[in-house]
Amino acid sequence: MKYSRLIHGLALAHVEVNRKVLADLAVNQPEDFTAYCKIAQDAINGNIPAITENAAPKAKVAKKEAPKAKVAEP
């Protein structure tokens, strides 16, 4: 499958993944990459999955607080 068809199929399937992640999957987890290709091919063939409200949970980013400055006592 060509890259452009893969990206198009994933977009149809409402899968958000960037090319860096796809490249990493292709090298380190070929079974998972194959699954992404199947999802894309199914979407191109008209088998588009329904969107559910909880389909893609948003990742929470922890905010780091700046360290408090120590005050030197006289």
N, C-alpha and C. Protein backbone atom coordinates (compact mmCIF):
# COMPACT_ATOMS: atom_id res chain seq x y z
N MET A 1 0.85 -1.17 0.00
CA MET A 1 0.00 0.00 0.00
C MET A 1 0.90 1.24 0.00
N LYS A 2 0.55 2.17 -0.85
CA LYS A 2 1.32 3.42 -0.91
C LYS A 2 1.00 4.27 0.31
N TYR A 3 1.96 5.10 0.68
CA TYR A 3 1.81 5.96 1.85
C TYR A 3 0.58 6.86 1.72
N SER A 4 0.37 7.43 0.56
CA SER A 4 -0.76 8.35 0.38
C SER A 4 -2.10 7.64 0.59
N ARG A 5 -2.20 6.39 0.12
CA ARG A 5 -3.44 5.62 0.33
C ARG A 5 -3.60 5.26 1.81
N LEU A 6 -2.50 4.94 2.46
CA LEU A 6 -2.55 4.62 3.89
C LEU A 6 -3.07 5.82 4.68
N ILE A 7 -2.51 6.98 4.44
CA ILE A 7 -2.92 8.19 5.16
C ILE A 7 -4.37 8.53 4.83
N HIS A 8 -4.75 8.41 3.56
CA HIS A 8 -6.13 8.69 3.16
C HIS A 8 -7.10 7.73 3.87
N GLY A 9 -6.77 6.45 3.87
CA GLY A 9 -7.63 5.46 4.53
C GLY A 9 -7.74 5.68 6.02
N LEU A 10 -6.63 6.03 6.65
CA LEU A 10 -6.67 6.30 8.09
C LEU A 10 -7.50 7.54 8.39
N ALA A 11 -7.42 8.54 7.53
CA ALA A 11 -8.24 9.74 7.71
C ALA A 11 -9.72 9.40 7.57
N LEU A 12 -10.06 8.56 6.60
CA LEU A 12 -11.45 8.12 6.44
C LEU A 12 -11.94 7.37 7.67
N ALA A 13 -11.03 6.62 8.29
CA ALA A 13 -11.37 5.82 9.48
C ALA A 13 -11.29 6.64 10.77
N HIS A 14 -10.99 7.92 10.63
CA HIS A 14 -10.89 8.82 11.79
C HIS A 14 -9.76 8.42 12.74
N VAL A 15 -8.66 7.96 12.17
CA VAL A 15 -7.49 7.59 12.95
C VAL A 15 -6.46 8.71 12.80
N GLU A 16 -6.06 9.27 13.91
CA GLU A 16 -5.07 10.34 13.88
C GLU A 16 -3.73 9.77 14.33
N VAL A 17 -2.81 9.69 13.39
CA VAL A 17 -1.47 9.18 13.69
C VAL A 17 -0.51 9.88 12.73
N ASN A 18 0.65 10.25 13.24
CA ASN A 18 1.59 10.95 12.36
C ASN A 18 2.58 9.97 11.73
N ARG A 19 3.32 10.45 10.76
CA ARG A 19 4.20 9.56 10.00
C ARG A 19 5.36 9.03 10.84
N LYS A 20 5.76 9.78 11.85
CA LYS A 20 6.85 9.30 12.72
C LYS A 20 6.40 8.07 13.50
N VAL A 21 5.19 8.12 14.01
CA VAL A 21 4.64 6.98 14.74
C VAL A 21 4.46 5.79 13.81
N LEU A 22 3.95 6.05 12.60
CA LEU A 22 3.78 4.97 11.63
C LEU A 22 5.12 4.32 11.29
N ALA A 23 6.15 5.13 11.09
CA ALA A 23 7.47 4.59 10.78
C ALA A 23 8.00 3.74 11.93
N ASP A 24 7.80 4.20 13.15
CA ASP A 24 8.24 3.45 14.32
C ASP A 24 7.49 2.13 14.42
N LEU A 25 6.19 2.17 14.18
CA LEU A 25 5.41 0.93 14.21
C LEU A 25 5.87 -0.05 13.14
N ALA A 26 6.13 0.47 11.95
CA ALA A 26 6.55 -0.40 10.84
C ALA A 26 7.84 -1.13 11.17
N VAL A 27 8.75 -0.47 11.87
CA VAL A 27 10.04 -1.07 12.19
C VAL A 27 9.98 -1.95 13.43
N ASN A 28 9.35 -1.44 14.49
CA ASN A 28 9.41 -2.11 15.79
C ASN A 28 8.21 -3.00 16.11
N GLN A 29 7.06 -2.72 15.50
CA GLN A 29 5.85 -3.49 15.78
C GLN A 29 5.10 -3.75 14.47
N PRO A 30 5.66 -4.60 13.63
CA PRO A 30 5.05 -4.80 12.31
C PRO A 30 3.62 -5.34 12.35
N GLU A 31 3.25 -6.10 13.40
CA GLU A 31 1.89 -6.60 13.50
C GLU A 31 0.91 -5.45 13.67
N ASP A 32 1.28 -4.47 14.50
CA ASP A 32 0.42 -3.31 14.72
C ASP A 32 0.34 -2.45 13.45
N PHE A 33 1.46 -2.31 12.76
CA PHE A 33 1.46 -1.55 11.51
C PHE A 33 0.54 -2.21 10.49
N THR A 34 0.57 -3.53 10.43
CA THR A 34 -0.31 -4.26 9.53
C THR A 34 -1.77 -4.01 9.88
N ALA A 35 -2.07 -3.93 11.17
CA ALA A 35 -3.44 -3.64 11.61
C ALA A 35 -3.88 -2.25 11.14
N TYR A 36 -2.97 -1.27 11.22
CA TYR A 36 -3.29 0.07 10.72
C TYR A 36 -3.55 0.02 9.22
N CYS A 37 -2.78 -0.75 8.49
CA CYS A 37 -2.99 -0.89 7.04
C CYS A 37 -4.35 -1.51 6.75
N LYS A 38 -4.74 -2.51 7.54
CA LYS A 38 -6.04 -3.14 7.35
C LYS A 38 -7.17 -2.16 7.64
N ILE A 39 -7.03 -1.37 8.69
CA ILE A 39 -8.04 -0.35 9.01
C ILE A 39 -8.18 0.62 7.85
N ALA A 40 -7.04 1.07 7.31
CA ALA A 40 -7.05 2.01 6.19
C ALA A 40 -7.70 1.39 4.97
N GLN A 41 -7.36 0.14 4.66
CA GLN A 41 -7.92 -0.52 3.49
C GLN A 41 -9.42 -0.73 3.65
N ASP A 42 -9.85 -1.11 4.84
CA ASP A 42 -11.28 -1.29 5.09
C ASP A 42 -12.03 0.03 4.90
N ALA A 43 -11.46 1.12 5.38
CA ALA A 43 -12.10 2.43 5.24
C ALA A 43 -12.18 2.84 3.77
N ILE A 44 -11.14 2.57 3.01
CA ILE A 44 -11.16 2.88 1.58
C ILE A 44 -12.24 2.06 0.87
N ASN A 45 -12.43 0.84 1.32
CA ASN A 45 -13.44 -0.03 0.72
C ASN A 45 -14.86 0.28 1.20
N GLY A 46 -15.02 1.27 2.06
CA GLY A 46 -16.35 1.69 2.50
C GLY A 46 -16.74 1.21 3.87
N ASN A 47 -15.90 0.47 4.54
CA ASN A 47 -16.20 -0.01 5.89
C ASN A 47 -15.65 0.98 6.90
N ILE A 48 -16.31 2.13 6.98
CA ILE A 48 -15.84 3.19 7.86
C ILE A 48 -16.44 2.98 9.24
N PRO A 49 -15.60 2.93 10.27
CA PRO A 49 -16.13 2.71 11.62
C PRO A 49 -16.93 3.92 12.10
N ALA A 50 -17.94 3.63 12.92
CA ALA A 50 -18.75 4.70 13.50
C ALA A 50 -17.93 5.45 14.54
N ILE A 51 -18.17 6.74 14.62
CA ILE A 51 -17.46 7.56 15.62
C ILE A 51 -18.26 7.51 16.91
N THR A 52 -17.59 7.19 17.98
CA THR A 52 -18.22 7.23 19.29
C THR A 52 -17.59 8.36 20.08
N GLU A 53 -18.32 8.84 21.06
CA GLU A 53 -17.84 9.98 21.82
C GLU A 53 -16.54 9.67 22.56
N ASN A 54 -16.38 8.45 23.02
CA ASN A 54 -15.19 8.06 23.78
C ASN A 54 -14.21 7.28 22.92
N ALA A 55 -14.29 7.42 21.61
CA ALA A 55 -13.44 6.63 20.72
C ALA A 55 -11.96 6.97 20.89
N ALA A 56 -11.66 8.22 21.09
CA ALA A 56 -10.26 8.63 21.20
C ALA A 56 -10.09 9.48 22.45
N PRO A 57 -9.75 8.86 23.56
CA PRO A 57 -9.57 9.65 24.77
C PRO A 57 -8.38 10.58 24.62
N LYS A 58 -8.53 11.76 25.14
CA LYS A 58 -7.46 12.75 25.08
C LYS A 58 -6.44 12.46 26.17
N ALA A 59 -5.19 12.58 25.81
CA ALA A 59 -4.12 12.36 26.78
C ALA A 59 -4.02 13.57 27.70
N LYS A 60 -3.83 13.30 28.95
CA LYS A 60 -3.66 14.39 29.90
C LYS A 60 -2.18 14.70 30.04
N VAL A 61 -1.86 15.96 29.99
CA VAL A 61 -0.48 16.38 30.11
C VAL A 61 -0.29 16.97 31.50
N ALA A 62 0.64 16.40 32.23
CA ALA A 62 0.91 16.89 33.57
C ALA A 62 1.74 18.16 33.49
N LYS A 63 1.31 19.17 34.23
CA LYS A 63 2.04 20.42 34.24
C LYS A 63 3.06 20.37 35.38
N LYS A 64 4.26 20.78 35.05
CA LYS A 64 5.29 20.82 36.07
C LYS A 64 5.35 22.23 36.64
N GLU A 65 5.41 22.28 37.95
CA GLU A 65 5.52 23.59 38.60
C GLU A 65 7.00 23.94 38.70
N ALA A 66 7.25 25.22 38.56
CA ALA A 66 8.62 25.70 38.69
C ALA A 66 9.07 25.51 40.14
N PRO A 67 10.32 25.10 40.34
CA PRO A 67 10.80 24.92 41.71
C PRO A 67 10.82 26.26 42.43
N LYS A 68 10.47 26.20 43.69
CA LYS A 68 10.45 27.42 44.50
C LYS A 68 11.88 27.79 44.87
N ALA A 69 12.13 29.08 44.79
CA ALA A 69 13.46 29.57 45.12
C ALA A 69 13.64 29.53 46.64
N LYS A 70 14.83 29.13 47.03
CA LYS A 70 15.14 29.11 48.46
C LYS A 70 15.68 30.48 48.85
N VAL A 71 15.21 30.95 49.96
CA VAL A 71 15.64 32.25 50.46
C VAL A 71 16.72 32.01 51.51
N ALA A 72 17.86 32.64 51.29
CA ALA A 72 18.93 32.49 52.27
C ALA A 72 18.61 33.31 53.49
N GLU A 73 18.71 32.66 54.65
CA GLU A 73 18.42 33.38 55.91
C GLU A 73 19.70 34.02 56.42
N PRO A 74 19.60 35.25 56.92
CA PRO A 74 20.80 35.96 57.41
C PRO A 74 21.36 35.39 58.68
